[in-house]
Protein backbone atom coordinates (compact mmCIF):
# COMPACT_ATOMS: atom_id res chain seq x y z
CA MET A 1 24.50 22.10 -7.16
CA THR A 2 20.74 21.37 -6.09
CA ASP A 3 18.91 23.04 -3.39
CA LYS A 4 16.89 21.00 -0.82
CA ARG A 5 13.68 22.26 -2.36
CA THR A 6 14.22 20.86 -5.94
CA GLN A 7 15.53 17.87 -3.61
CA GLN A 8 12.26 17.22 -1.43
CA GLU A 9 10.06 17.59 -4.76
CA ALA A 10 12.43 14.98 -6.54
CA SER A 11 11.81 12.48 -3.83
CA GLU A 12 8.08 13.28 -3.46
CA SER A 13 7.27 12.29 -6.48
CA ASN A 14 8.16 9.14 -6.21
CA THR A 15 6.80 8.25 -3.20
CA ILE A 16 3.46 7.29 -4.44
CA LYS A 17 3.19 5.84 -7.66
CA ASP A 18 0.02 4.34 -9.31
CA PRO A 19 0.29 0.73 -9.06
CA GLU A 20 -0.50 0.20 -12.42
CA LYS A 21 2.79 1.73 -13.54
CA TRP A 22 4.83 -0.47 -10.99
CA THR A 23 7.65 -2.47 -13.30
CA THR A 24 6.96 -5.01 -10.70
CA GLY A 25 3.39 -4.77 -9.98
CA ASP A 26 2.45 -8.35 -12.10
CA GLU A 27 4.69 -10.53 -9.51
CA GLN A 28 2.89 -12.11 -7.32
CA MET A 29 2.29 -9.80 -4.10
CA THR A 30 5.14 -10.02 -0.94
CA GLY A 31 5.15 -11.51 2.24
CA ALA A 32 4.60 -8.19 3.79
CA GLN A 33 1.73 -7.52 1.57
CA ARG A 34 -0.07 -11.43 2.52
CA SER A 35 0.26 -10.85 6.02
CA TYR A 36 -0.84 -7.28 6.24
CA LEU A 37 -4.00 -8.38 3.73
CA GLU A 38 -4.81 -11.25 6.25
CA THR A 39 -4.54 -8.63 9.28
CA LEU A 40 -6.98 -6.31 7.21
CA ALA A 41 -9.76 -8.62 5.97
CA GLY A 42 -10.21 -10.23 8.98
CA GLU A 43 -10.81 -6.95 10.65
CA ALA A 44 -13.26 -5.98 8.36
CA GLY A 45 -15.16 -9.35 7.91
CA GLU A 46 -13.62 -10.28 4.59
CA GLU A 47 -11.35 -13.02 3.24
CA VAL A 48 -8.02 -12.53 1.69
CA GLU A 49 -8.04 -13.61 -2.41
CA GLU A 50 -5.12 -16.29 -3.09
CA ASN A 51 -3.60 -15.21 -6.31
CA LEU A 52 -3.15 -11.61 -5.77
CA THR A 53 -0.24 -9.42 -8.21
CA LYS A 54 1.89 -6.88 -6.33
CA ALA A 55 -0.34 -3.90 -7.46
CA GLU A 56 -4.17 -5.77 -6.89
CA ALA A 57 -2.65 -6.22 -3.48
CA SER A 58 -1.63 -2.61 -2.99
CA LYS A 59 -4.82 -1.51 -4.14
CA ARG A 60 -6.98 -4.41 -2.13
CA ILE A 61 -4.45 -2.79 1.17
CA ASP A 62 -6.03 0.41 0.62
CA GLU A 63 -9.47 -0.36 0.05
CA LEU A 64 -9.35 -2.45 3.32
CA GLN A 65 -7.52 0.45 5.14
CA GLN A 66 -10.61 2.77 3.95
CA LYS A 67 -12.94 0.08 5.18
CA THR A 68 -11.35 -0.86 8.57
CA GLY A 69 -9.53 3.08 9.60
CA ARG A 70 -6.45 1.71 9.57
CA GLY A 71 -3.54 3.12 8.17
CA THR A 72 -5.37 6.80 7.63
CA GLU A 73 -4.13 9.70 9.70
CA ASP A 74 -7.04 9.37 12.07
CA GLY A 75 -7.16 5.65 12.50
CA GLY A 76 -4.38 4.77 13.80
CA GLY A 77 -3.24 1.44 13.61
CA ARG A 78 0.20 1.08 11.43
CA ASP A 79 1.93 3.63 9.17
CA ALA A 80 0.72 3.72 5.67
CA GLY A 81 4.46 3.88 4.74
CA GLN A 82 4.91 0.26 3.96
């Protein structure tokens, strides 16, 4: 039987994974990603690329979150837990 610490460590190891290593990263971005990208891009005064993959969209979301302050601990807005 595993203890709570072991379970927590196992859980945390899978919470953040490089989009380049996603098994579905080359699939078309999701509707939720597109919607959030449009929100972030609007706030940043930038355009949303049309044909991004899930991995590319994730990276772009990260970039725009940094630029707008959304999704960061001190930036308020939406949680990073999408």
